[in-house]
């Protein structure tokens, strides 16, 4: 059974400023920085575009940029999951209340 305290806590978390927006911003920024990092790394090397790309993809800086995308995505997904969990608690409580009103067990 979901208590009203559980619902109150879920509502309180949902009404506070969400961690989702900053996490999404960081995710988008890191995705774009991946492209910037690739371009900067390609500029460091001579030769064909393919060889410049190969060098850029194998650089430490590019791997770090990829890790930043991964970290930002993880934080965004955690924040999104928290919001979804709170919404689910509220939906389950509403169903529980409706079932009680109609004596459905």
PDB file of N, CA and C in Angstrom:
ATOM      1  N   UNK A   1       0.834  -1.186   0.000  1.00  0.00           N
ATOM      2  CA  UNK A   1       0.000   0.000   0.000  1.00  0.00           C
ATOM      3  C   UNK A   1       0.876   1.246   0.000  1.00  0.00           C
ATOM      4  N   UNK A   2       0.460   2.189  -0.764  1.00  0.00           N
ATOM      5  CA  UNK A   2       1.173   3.464  -0.837  1.00  0.00           C
ATOM      6  C   UNK A   2       0.487   4.422   0.128  1.00  0.00           C
ATOM      7  N   UNK A   3       1.284   4.971   1.036  1.00  0.00           N
ATOM      8  CA  UNK A   3       0.716   5.866   2.041  1.00  0.00           C
ATOM      9  C   UNK A   3       0.648   7.302   1.509  1.00  0.00           C
ATOM     10  N   UNK A   4      -0.131   8.096   2.201  1.00  0.00           N
ATOM     11  CA  UNK A   4      -0.217   9.505   1.826  1.00  0.00           C
ATOM     12  C   UNK A   4       1.121  10.203   2.057  1.00  0.00           C
ATOM     13  N   UNK A   5       1.891   9.710   3.006  1.00  0.00           N
ATOM     14  CA  UNK A   5       3.229  10.253   3.245  1.00  0.00           C
ATOM     15  C   UNK A   5       4.112  10.035   2.013  1.00  0.00           C
ATOM     16  N   UNK A   6       4.008   8.831   1.422  1.00  0.00           N
ATOM     17  CA  UNK A   6       4.771   8.549   0.199  1.00  0.00           C
ATOM     18  C   UNK A   6       4.367   9.513  -0.917  1.00  0.00           C
ATOM     19  N   UNK A   7       3.079   9.753  -1.034  1.00  0.00           N
ATOM     20  CA  UNK A   7       2.570  10.652  -2.069  1.00  0.00           C
ATOM     21  C   UNK A   7       3.028  12.080  -1.793  1.00  0.00           C
ATOM     22  N   UNK A   8       2.963  12.496  -0.530  1.00  0.00           N
ATOM     23  CA  UNK A   8       3.417  13.842  -0.173  1.00  0.00           C
ATOM     24  C   UNK A   8       4.892  14.035  -0.516  1.00  0.00           C
ATOM     25  N   UNK A   9       5.703  13.031  -0.219  1.00  0.00           N
ATOM     26  CA  UNK A   9       7.134  13.113  -0.542  1.00  0.00           C
ATOM     27  C   UNK A   9       7.346  13.187  -2.055  1.00  0.00           C
ATOM     28  N   UNK A  10       6.612  12.383  -2.801  1.00  0.00           N
ATOM     29  CA  UNK A  10       6.735  12.390  -4.265  1.00  0.00           C
ATOM     30  C   UNK A  10       6.319  13.750  -4.824  1.00  0.00           C
ATOM     31  N   UNK A  11       5.205  14.293  -4.321  1.00  0.00           N
ATOM     32  CA  UNK A  11       4.749  15.609  -4.776  1.00  0.00           C
ATOM     33  C   UNK A  11       5.754  16.701  -4.425  1.00  0.00           C
ATOM     34  N   UNK A  12       6.333  16.604  -3.259  1.00  0.00           N
ATOM     35  CA  UNK A  12       7.330  17.595  -2.835  1.00  0.00           C
ATOM     36  C   UNK A  12       8.535  17.572  -3.772  1.00  0.00           C
ATOM     37  N   UNK A  13       9.005  16.363  -4.111  1.00  0.00           N
ATOM     38  CA  UNK A  13      10.148  16.256  -5.019  1.00  0.00           C
ATOM     39  C   UNK A  13       9.796  16.777  -6.409  1.00  0.00           C
ATOM     40  N   UNK A  14       8.561  16.521  -6.855  1.00  0.00           N
ATOM     41  CA  UNK A  14       8.155  16.967  -8.186  1.00  0.00           C
ATOM     42  C   UNK A  14       7.980  18.483  -8.272  1.00  0.00           C
ATOM     43  N   UNK A  15       7.657  19.117  -7.156  1.00  0.00           N
ATOM     44  CA  UNK A  15       7.446  20.563  -7.188  1.00  0.00           C
ATOM     45  C   UNK A  15       8.729  21.354  -6.971  1.00  0.00           C
ATOM     46  N   UNK A  16       9.779  20.693  -6.508  1.00  0.00           N
ATOM     47  CA  UNK A  16      11.072  21.366  -6.366  1.00  0.00           C
ATOM     48  C   UNK A  16      11.693  21.519  -7.745  1.00  0.00           C
ATOM     49  N   UNK A  17      12.610  22.467  -7.875  1.00  0.00           N
ATOM     50  CA  UNK A  17      13.300  22.572  -9.170  1.00  0.00           C
ATOM     51  C   UNK A  17      13.958  21.240  -9.517  1.00  0.00           C
ATOM     52  N   UNK A  18      13.725  20.810 -10.710  1.00  0.00           N
ATOM     53  CA  UNK A  18      14.183  19.498 -11.153  1.00  0.00           C
ATOM     54  C   UNK A  18      15.673  19.506 -11.468  1.00  0.00           C
ATOM     55  N   UNK A  19      16.300  18.355 -11.219  1.00  0.00           N
ATOM     56  CA  UNK A  19      17.691  18.170 -11.620  1.00  0.00           C
ATOM     57  C   UNK A  19      17.752  17.814 -13.105  1.00  0.00           C
ATOM     58  N   UNK A  20      16.584  17.580 -13.698  1.00  0.00           N
ATOM     59  CA  UNK A  20      16.546  17.143 -15.087  1.00  0.00           C
ATOM     60  C   UNK A  20      17.038  18.212 -16.054  1.00  0.00           C
ATOM     61  N   UNK A  21      16.608  19.449 -15.872  1.00  0.00           N
ATOM     62  CA  UNK A  21      16.965  20.507 -16.821  1.00  0.00           C
ATOM     63  C   UNK A  21      18.475  20.755 -16.862  1.00  0.00           C
ATOM     64  N   UNK A  22      19.125  20.952 -15.709  1.00  0.00           N
ATOM     65  CA  UNK A  22      20.575  21.138 -15.785  1.00  0.00           C
ATOM     66  C   UNK A  22      21.297  19.896 -16.324  1.00  0.00           C
ATOM     67  N   UNK A  23      20.794  18.721 -15.983  1.00  0.00           N
ATOM     68  CA  UNK A  23      21.415  17.487 -16.473  1.00  0.00           C
ATOM     69  C   UNK A  23      21.272  17.375 -17.988  1.00  0.00           C
ATOM     70  N   UNK A  24      20.104  17.754 -18.507  1.00  0.00           N
ATOM     71  CA  UNK A  24      19.906  17.729 -19.951  1.00  0.00           C
ATOM     72  C   UNK A  24      20.806  18.754 -20.625  1.00  0.00           C
ATOM     73  N   UNK A  25      20.921  19.931 -20.026  1.00  0.00           N
ATOM     74  CA  UNK A  25      21.816  20.956 -20.569  1.00  0.00           C
ATOM     75  C   UNK A  25      23.249  20.470 -20.641  1.00  0.00           C
ATOM     76  N   UNK A  26      23.702  19.822 -19.591  1.00  0.00           N
ATOM     77  CA  UNK A  26      25.065  19.292 -19.565  1.00  0.00           C
ATOM     78  C   UNK A  26      25.242  18.187 -20.607  1.00  0.00           C
ATOM     79  N   UNK A  27      24.222  17.374 -20.772  1.00  0.00           N
ATOM     80  CA  UNK A  27      24.270  16.301 -21.779  1.00  0.00           C
ATOM     81  C   UNK A  27      24.398  16.890 -23.178  1.00  0.00           C
ATOM     82  N   UNK A  28      23.574  17.879 -23.498  1.00  0.00           N
ATOM     83  CA  UNK A  28      23.624  18.500 -24.823  1.00  0.00           C
ATOM     84  C   UNK A  28      24.959  19.201 -25.060  1.00  0.00           C
ATOM     85  N   UNK A  29      25.422  19.898 -24.035  1.00  0.00           N
ATOM     86  CA  UNK A  29      26.707  20.593 -24.149  1.00  0.00           C
ATOM     87  C   UNK A  29      27.834  19.602 -24.415  1.00  0.00           C
ATOM     88  N   UNK A  30      27.856  18.511 -23.679  1.00  0.00           N
ATOM     89  CA  UNK A  30      28.936  17.535 -23.851  1.00  0.00           C
ATOM     90  C   UNK A  30      28.857  16.863 -25.226  1.00  0.00           C
ATOM     91  N   UNK A  31      27.640  16.656 -25.741  1.00  0.00           N
ATOM     92  CA  UNK A  31      27.506  16.076 -27.081  1.00  0.00           C
ATOM     93  C   UNK A  31      28.082  17.013 -28.139  1.00  0.00           C
ATOM     94  N   UNK A  32      27.831  18.301 -27.985  1.00  0.00           N
ATOM     95  CA  UNK A  32      28.369  19.274 -28.939  1.00  0.00           C
ATOM     96  C   UNK A  32      29.880  19.448 -28.770  1.00  0.00           C
ATOM     97  N   UNK A  33      30.340  19.368 -27.537  1.00  0.00           N
ATOM     98  CA  UNK A  33      31.774  19.481 -27.301  1.00  0.00           C
ATOM     99  C   UNK A  33      32.533  18.298 -27.897  1.00  0.00           C
ATOM    100  N   UNK A  34      31.880  17.186 -28.052  1.00  0.00           N
ATOM    101  CA  UNK A  34      32.493  16.034 -28.705  1.00  0.00           C
ATOM    102  C   UNK A  34      32.871  16.411 -30.142  1.00  0.00           C
ATOM    103  N   UNK A  35      31.980  17.114 -30.820  1.00  0.00           N
ATOM    104  CA  UNK A  35      32.244  17.555 -32.192  1.00  0.00           C
ATOM    105  C   UNK A  35      33.379  18.586 -32.229  1.00  0.00           C
ATOM    106  N   UNK A  36      33.361  19.492 -31.269  1.00  0.00           N
ATOM    107  CA  UNK A  36      34.411  20.508 -31.193  1.00  0.00           C
ATOM    108  C   UNK A  36      35.764  19.845 -30.950  1.00  0.00           C
ATOM    109  N   UNK A  37      35.780  18.892 -30.039  1.00  0.00           N
ATOM    110  CA  UNK A  37      37.023  18.177 -29.733  1.00  0.00           C
ATOM    111  C   UNK A  37      37.547  17.457 -30.971  1.00  0.00           C
ATOM    112  N   UNK A  38      36.659  16.829 -31.694  1.00  0.00           N
ATOM    113  CA  UNK A  38      37.078  16.134 -32.919  1.00  0.00           C
ATOM    114  C   UNK A  38      37.697  17.124 -33.900  1.00  0.00           C
ATOM    115  N   UNK A  39      37.044  18.247 -34.097  1.00  0.00           N
ATOM    116  CA  UNK A  39      37.549  19.244 -35.045  1.00  0.00           C
ATOM    117  C   UNK A  39      38.917  19.778 -34.608  1.00  0.00           C
ATOM    118  N   UNK A  40      39.061  20.072 -33.330  1.00  0.00           N
ATOM    119  CA  UNK A  40      40.343  20.578 -32.832  1.00  0.00           C
ATOM    120  C   UNK A  40      41.451  19.546 -32.977  1.00  0.00           C
ATOM    121  N   UNK A  41      41.121  18.296 -32.719  1.00  0.00           N
ATOM    122  CA  UNK A  41      42.112  17.235 -32.853  1.00  0.00           C
ATOM    123  C   UNK A  41      42.476  17.008 -34.328  1.00  0.00           C
ATOM    124  N   UNK A  42      41.507  17.127 -35.213  1.00  0.00           N
ATOM    125  CA  UNK A  42      41.797  16.963 -36.642  1.00  0.00           C
ATOM    126  C   UNK A  42      42.726  18.064 -37.133  1.00  0.00           C
ATOM    127  N   UNK A  43      42.556  19.274 -36.601  1.00  0.00           N
ATOM    128  CA  UNK A  43      43.407  20.395 -37.013  1.00  0.00           C
ATOM    129  C   UNK A  43      44.880  20.159 -36.670  1.00  0.00           C
ATOM    130  N   UNK A  44      45.134  19.342 -35.673  1.00  0.00           N
ATOM    131  CA  UNK A  44      46.513  19.104 -35.229  1.00  0.00           C
ATOM    132  C   UNK A  44      47.301  18.222 -36.194  1.00  0.00           C
ATOM    133  N   UNK A  45      46.621  17.570 -37.135  1.00  0.00           N
ATOM    134  CA  UNK A  45      47.272  16.560 -37.972  1.00  0.00           C
ATOM    135  C   UNK A  45      47.189  16.919 -39.445  1.00  0.00           C
ATOM    136  N   UNK A  46      48.232  16.556 -40.171  1.00  0.00           N
ATOM    137  CA  UNK A  46      48.295  16.743 -41.621  1.00  0.00           C
ATOM    138  C   UNK A  46      47.745  15.486 -42.294  1.00  0.00           C
ATOM    139  N   UNK A  47      47.544  15.574 -43.585  1.00  0.00           N
ATOM    140  CA  UNK A  47      47.130  14.411 -44.351  1.00  0.00           C
ATOM    141  C   UNK A  47      45.672  14.492 -44.758  1.00  0.00           C
ATOM    142  N   UNK A  48      45.179  13.354 -45.199  1.00  0.00           N
ATOM    143  CA  UNK A  48      43.798  13.289 -45.678  1.00  0.00           C
ATOM    144  C   UNK A  48      42.819  13.457 -44.510  1.00  0.00           C
ATOM    145  N   UNK A  49      41.597  13.746 -44.877  1.00  0.00           N
ATOM    146  CA  UNK A  49      40.556  13.885 -43.867  1.00  0.00           C
ATOM    147  C   UNK A  49      40.402  12.589 -43.082  1.00  0.00           C
ATOM    148  N   UNK A  50      40.505  11.475 -43.779  1.00  0.00           N
ATOM    149  CA  UNK A  50      40.367  10.171 -43.115  1.00  0.00           C
ATOM    150  C   UNK A  50      41.470   9.963 -42.084  1.00  0.00           C
ATOM    151  N   UNK A  51      42.691  10.335 -42.424  1.00  0.00           N
ATOM    152  CA  UNK A  51      43.779  10.150 -41.458  1.00  0.00           C
ATOM    153  C   UNK A  51      43.662  11.143 -40.304  1.00  0.00           C
ATOM    154  N   UNK A  52      43.199  12.352 -40.587  1.00  0.00           N
ATOM    155  CA  UNK A  52      42.969  13.331 -39.514  1.00  0.00           C
ATOM    156  C   UNK A  52      41.886  12.823 -38.560  1.00  0.00           C
ATOM    157  N   UNK A  53      40.834  12.265 -39.147  1.00  0.00           N
ATOM    158  CA  UNK A  53      39.732  11.729 -38.351  1.00  0.00           C
ATOM    159  C   UNK A  53      40.212  10.568 -37.478  1.00  0.00           C
ATOM    160  N   UNK A  54      40.998   9.678 -38.065  1.00  0.00           N
ATOM    161  CA  UNK A  54      41.545   8.541 -37.327  1.00  0.00           C
ATOM    162  C   UNK A  54      42.358   9.025 -36.123  1.00  0.00           C
ATOM    163  N   UNK A  55      43.195  10.017 -36.338  1.00  0.00           N
ATOM    164  CA  UNK A  55      44.011  10.556 -35.250  1.00  0.00           C
ATOM    165  C   UNK A  55      43.136  11.234 -34.189  1.00  0.00           C
ATOM    166  N   UNK A  56      42.120  11.934 -34.639  1.00  0.00           N
ATOM    167  CA  UNK A  56      41.222  12.617 -33.688  1.00  0.00           C
ATOM    168  C   UNK A  56      40.486  11.597 -32.826  1.00  0.00           C
ATOM    169  N   UNK A  57      39.950  10.559 -33.459  1.00  0.00           N
ATOM    170  CA  UNK A  57      39.201   9.545 -32.724  1.00  0.00           C
ATOM    171  C   UNK A  57      40.068   8.778 -31.734  1.00  0.00           C
ATOM    172  N   UNK A  58      41.339   8.667 -32.032  1.00  0.00           N
ATOM    173  CA  UNK A  58      42.226   7.911 -31.139  1.00  0.00           C
ATOM    174  C   UNK A  58      42.904   8.779 -30.079  1.00  0.00           C
ATOM    175  N   UNK A  59      42.595  10.063 -30.061  1.00  0.00           N
ATOM    176  CA  UNK A  59      43.253  10.963 -29.110  1.00  0.00           C
ATOM    177  C   UNK A  59      42.668  10.829 -27.701  1.00  0.00           C
ATOM    178  N   UNK A  60      43.492  11.141 -26.746  1.00  0.00           N
ATOM    179  CA  UNK A  60      43.069  11.137 -25.341  1.00  0.00           C
ATOM    180  C   UNK A  60      41.954  12.159 -25.122  1.00  0.00           C
ATOM    181  N   UNK A  61      42.088  13.315 -25.757  1.00  0.00           N
ATOM    182  CA  UNK A  61      41.085  14.378 -25.596  1.00  0.00           C
ATOM    183  C   UNK A  61      39.708  13.927 -26.076  1.00  0.00           C
ATOM    184  N   UNK A  62      39.681  13.199 -27.194  1.00  0.00           N
ATOM    185  CA  UNK A  62      38.406  12.722 -27.722  1.00  0.00           C
ATOM    186  C   UNK A  62      37.792  11.675 -26.792  1.00  0.00           C
ATOM    187  N   UNK A  63      38.634  10.783 -26.282  1.00  0.00           N
ATOM    188  CA  UNK A  63      38.130   9.773 -25.342  1.00  0.00           C
ATOM    189  C   UNK A  63      37.587  10.437 -24.077  1.00  0.00           C
ATOM    190  N   UNK A  64      38.244  11.499 -23.628  1.00  0.00           N
ATOM    191  CA  UNK A  64      37.747  12.228 -22.455  1.00  0.00           C
ATOM    192  C   UNK A  64      36.401  12.889 -22.772  1.00  0.00           C
ATOM    193  N   UNK A  65      36.278  13.421 -23.981  1.00  0.00           N
ATOM    194  CA  UNK A  65      35.011  14.039 -24.387  1.00  0.00           C
ATOM    195  C   UNK A  65      33.895  13.003 -24.434  1.00  0.00           C
ATOM    196  N   UNK A  66      34.218  11.804 -24.907  1.00  0.00           N
ATOM    197  CA  UNK A  66      33.224  10.719 -24.924  1.00  0.00           C
ATOM    198  C   UNK A  66      32.806  10.383 -23.491  1.00  0.00           C
ATOM    199  N   UNK A  67      33.764  10.301 -22.594  1.00  0.00           N
ATOM    200  CA  UNK A  67      33.440   9.998 -21.193  1.00  0.00           C
ATOM    201  C   UNK A  67      32.553  11.082 -20.594  1.00  0.00           C
ATOM    202  N   UNK A  68      32.778  12.343 -20.985  1.00  0.00           N
ATOM    203  CA  UNK A  68      31.910  13.431 -20.508  1.00  0.00           C
ATOM    204  C   UNK A  68      30.480  13.243 -20.997  1.00  0.00           C
ATOM    205  N   UNK A  69      30.321  12.799 -22.237  1.00  0.00           N
ATOM    206  CA  UNK A  69      28.977  12.527 -22.775  1.00  0.00           C
ATOM    207  C   UNK A  69      28.333  11.402 -21.975  1.00  0.00           C
ATOM    208  N   UNK A  70      29.096  10.354 -21.715  1.00  0.00           N
ATOM    209  CA  UNK A  70      28.569   9.219 -20.955  1.00  0.00           C
ATOM    210  C   UNK A  70      28.137   9.668 -19.558  1.00  0.00           C
ATOM    211  N   UNK A  71      28.992  10.406 -18.869  1.00  0.00           N
ATOM    212  CA  UNK A  71      28.671  10.869 -17.511  1.00  0.00           C
ATOM    213  C   UNK A  71      27.443  11.768 -17.498  1.00  0.00           C
ATOM    214  N   UNK A  72      27.361  12.685 -18.455  1.00  0.00           N
ATOM    215  CA  UNK A  72      26.214  13.594 -18.521  1.00  0.00           C
ATOM    216  C   UNK A  72      24.932  12.821 -18.822  1.00  0.00           C
ATOM    217  N   UNK A  73      25.019  11.826 -19.689  1.00  0.00           N
ATOM    218  CA  UNK A  73      23.850  11.014 -20.024  1.00  0.00           C
ATOM    219  C   UNK A  73      23.378  10.224 -18.808  1.00  0.00           C
ATOM    220  N   UNK A  74      24.320   9.672 -18.060  1.00  0.00           N
ATOM    221  CA  UNK A  74      23.970   8.929 -16.843  1.00  0.00           C
ATOM    222  C   UNK A  74      23.251   9.833 -15.850  1.00  0.00           C
ATOM    223  N   UNK A  75      23.777  11.035 -15.627  1.00  0.00           N
ATOM    224  CA  UNK A  75      23.141  11.955 -14.676  1.00  0.00           C
ATOM    225  C   UNK A  75      21.749  12.363 -15.138  1.00  0.00           C
ATOM    226  N   UNK A  76      21.580  12.599 -16.434  1.00  0.00           N
ATOM    227  CA  UNK A  76      20.274  12.947 -16.966  1.00  0.00           C
ATOM    228  C   UNK A  76      19.286  11.800 -16.783  1.00  0.00           C
ATOM    229  N   UNK A  77      19.718  10.603 -17.094  1.00  0.00           N
ATOM    230  CA  UNK A  77      18.835   9.441 -16.973  1.00  0.00           C
ATOM    231  C   UNK A  77      18.462   9.169 -15.519  1.00  0.00           C
ATOM    232  N   UNK A  78      19.385   9.397 -14.593  1.00  0.00           N
ATOM    233  CA  UNK A  78      19.070   9.250 -13.166  1.00  0.00           C
ATOM    234  C   UNK A  78      17.989  10.247 -12.760  1.00  0.00           C
ATOM    235  N   UNK A  79      18.156  11.502 -13.177  1.00  0.00           N
ATOM    236  CA  UNK A  79      17.172  12.538 -12.830  1.00  0.00           C
ATOM    237  C   UNK A  79      15.817  12.218 -13.454  1.00  0.00           C
ATOM    238  N   UNK A  80      15.824  11.758 -14.702  1.00  0.00           N
ATOM    239  CA  UNK A  80      14.572  11.413 -15.383  1.00  0.00           C
ATOM    240  C   UNK A  80      13.893  10.235 -14.690  1.00  0.00           C
ATOM    241  N   UNK A  81      14.687   9.250 -14.261  1.00  0.00           N
ATOM    242  CA  UNK A  81      14.128   8.081 -13.579  1.00  0.00           C
ATOM    243  C   UNK A  81      13.498   8.471 -12.244  1.00  0.00           C
ATOM    244  N   UNK A  82      14.110   9.416 -11.533  1.00  0.00           N
ATOM    245  CA  UNK A  82      13.544   9.880 -10.264  1.00  0.00           C
ATOM    246  C   UNK A  82      12.184  10.529 -10.488  1.00  0.00           C
ATOM    247  N   UNK A  83      12.090  11.359 -11.504  1.00  0.00           N
ATOM    248  CA  UNK A  83      10.811  12.011 -11.812  1.00  0.00           C
ATOM    249  C   UNK A  83       9.764  10.974 -12.190  1.00  0.00           C
ATOM    250  N   UNK A  84      10.140  10.028 -13.027  1.00  0.00           N
ATOM    251  CA  UNK A  84       9.200   8.980 -13.446  1.00  0.00           C
ATOM    252  C   UNK A  84       8.753   8.124 -12.260  1.00  0.00           C
ATOM    253  N   UNK A  85       9.669   7.837 -11.348  1.00  0.00           N
ATOM    254  CA  UNK A  85       9.318   7.048 -10.164  1.00  0.00           C
ATOM    255  C   UNK A  85       8.299   7.791  -9.312  1.00  0.00           C
ATOM    256  N   UNK A  86       8.508   9.091  -9.126  1.00  0.00           N
ATOM    257  CA  UNK A  86       7.553   9.880  -8.344  1.00  0.00           C
ATOM    258  C   UNK A  86       6.190   9.934  -9.023  1.00  0.00           C
ATOM    259  N   UNK A  87       6.168  10.071 -10.333  1.00  0.00           N
ATOM    260  CA  UNK A  87       4.901  10.074 -11.063  1.00  0.00           C
ATOM    261  C   UNK A  87       4.199   8.727 -10.923  1.00  0.00           C
ATOM    262  N   UNK A  88       4.967   7.660 -10.943  1.00  0.00           N
ATOM    263  CA  UNK A  88       4.397   6.320 -10.814  1.00  0.00           C
ATOM    264  C   UNK A  88       3.790   6.114  -9.431  1.00  0.00           C
ATOM    265  N   UNK A  89       4.469   6.594  -8.398  1.00  0.00           N
ATOM    266  CA  UNK A  89       3.932   6.489  -7.029  1.00  0.00           C
ATOM    267  C   UNK A  89       2.585   7.190  -6.959  1.00  0.00           C
ATOM    268  N   UNK A  90       2.508   8.373  -7.530  1.00  0.00           N
ATOM    269  CA  UNK A  90       1.256   9.140  -7.493  1.00  0.00           C
ATOM    270  C   UNK A  90       0.166   8.419  -8.282  1.00  0.00           C
ATOM    271  N   UNK A  91       0.490   7.899  -9.454  1.00  0.00           N
ATOM    272  CA  UNK A  91      -0.500   7.166 -10.261  1.00  0.00           C
ATOM    273  C   UNK A  91      -0.994   5.913  -9.541  1.00  0.00           C
ATOM    274  N   UNK A  92      -0.082   5.197  -8.901  1.00  0.00           N
ATOM    275  CA  UNK A  92      -0.470   3.988  -8.168  1.00  0.00           C
ATOM    276  C   UNK A  92      -1.365   4.355  -6.987  1.00  0.00           C
ATOM    277  N   UNK A  93      -1.054   5.427  -6.310  1.00  0.00           N
ATOM    278  CA  UNK A  93      -1.864   5.879  -5.176  1.00  0.00           C
ATOM    279  C   UNK A  93      -3.267   6.251  -5.658  1.00  0.00           C
ATOM    280  N   UNK A  94      -3.325   6.948  -6.802  1.00  0.00           N
ATOM    281  CA  UNK A  94      -4.634   7.327  -7.346  1.00  0.00           C
ATOM    282  C   UNK A  94      -5.462   6.085  -7.674  1.00  0.00           C
ATOM    283  N   UNK A  95      -4.838   5.085  -8.259  1.00  0.00           N
ATOM    284  CA  UNK A  95      -5.525   3.833  -8.572  1.00  0.00           C
ATOM    285  C   UNK A  95      -5.988   3.159  -7.290  1.00  0.00           C
ATOM    286  N   UNK A  96      -5.118   3.142  -6.305  1.00  0.00           N
ATOM    287  CA  UNK A  96      -5.447   2.553  -5.010  1.00  0.00           C
ATOM    288  C   UNK A  96      -6.656   3.251  -4.390  1.00  0.00           C
ATOM    289  N   UNK A  97      -6.686   4.575  -4.477  1.00  0.00           N
ATOM    290  CA  UNK A  97      -7.810   5.333  -3.923  1.00  0.00           C
ATOM    291  C   UNK A  97      -9.103   5.052  -4.675  1.00  0.00           C
ATOM    292  N   UNK A  98      -9.008   4.957  -5.978  1.00  0.00           N
ATOM    293  CA  UNK A  98     -10.198   4.656  -6.778  1.00  0.00           C
ATOM    294  C   UNK A  98     -10.710   3.261  -6.472  1.00  0.00           C
ATOM    295  N   UNK A  99      -9.808   2.322  -6.307  1.00  0.00           N
ATOM    296  CA  UNK A  99     -10.210   0.950  -5.969  1.00  0.00           C
ATOM    297  C   UNK A  99     -10.898   0.907  -4.613  1.00  0.00           C
ATOM    298  N   UNK A 100     -10.405   1.670  -3.666  1.00  0.00           N
ATOM    299  CA  UNK A 100     -11.030   1.708  -2.335  1.00  0.00           C
ATOM    300  C   UNK A 100     -12.432   2.322  -2.411  1.00  0.00           C
ATOM    301  N   UNK A 101     -12.583   3.342  -3.241  1.00  0.00           N
ATOM    302  CA  UNK A 101     -13.890   3.979  -3.382  1.00  0.00           C
ATOM    303  C   UNK A 101     -14.921   2.998  -3.920  1.00  0.00           C
ATOM    304  N   UNK A 102     -14.502   2.118  -4.809  1.00  0.00           N
ATOM    305  CA  UNK A 102     -15.408   1.163  -5.421  1.00  0.00           C
ATOM    306  C   UNK A 102     -15.302  -0.224  -4.826  1.00  0.00           C
ATOM    307  N   UNK A 103     -14.627  -0.308  -3.663  1.00  0.00           N
ATOM    308  CA  UNK A 103     -14.449  -1.575  -2.934  1.00  0.00           C
ATOM    309  C   UNK A 103     -13.844  -2.667  -3.794  1.00  0.00           C
ATOM    310  N   UNK A 104     -12.866  -2.304  -4.590  1.00  0.00           N
ATOM    311  CA  UNK A 104     -12.130  -3.286  -5.388  1.00  0.00           C
ATOM    312  C   UNK A 104     -10.843  -3.575  -4.648  1.00  0.00           C
ATOM    313  N   UNK A 105     -10.545  -4.835  -4.464  1.00  0.00           N
ATOM    314  CA  UNK A 105      -9.308  -5.182  -3.754  1.00  0.00           C
ATOM    315  C   UNK A 105      -8.310  -5.819  -4.660  1.00  0.00           C
TER     316      UNK A 105
END
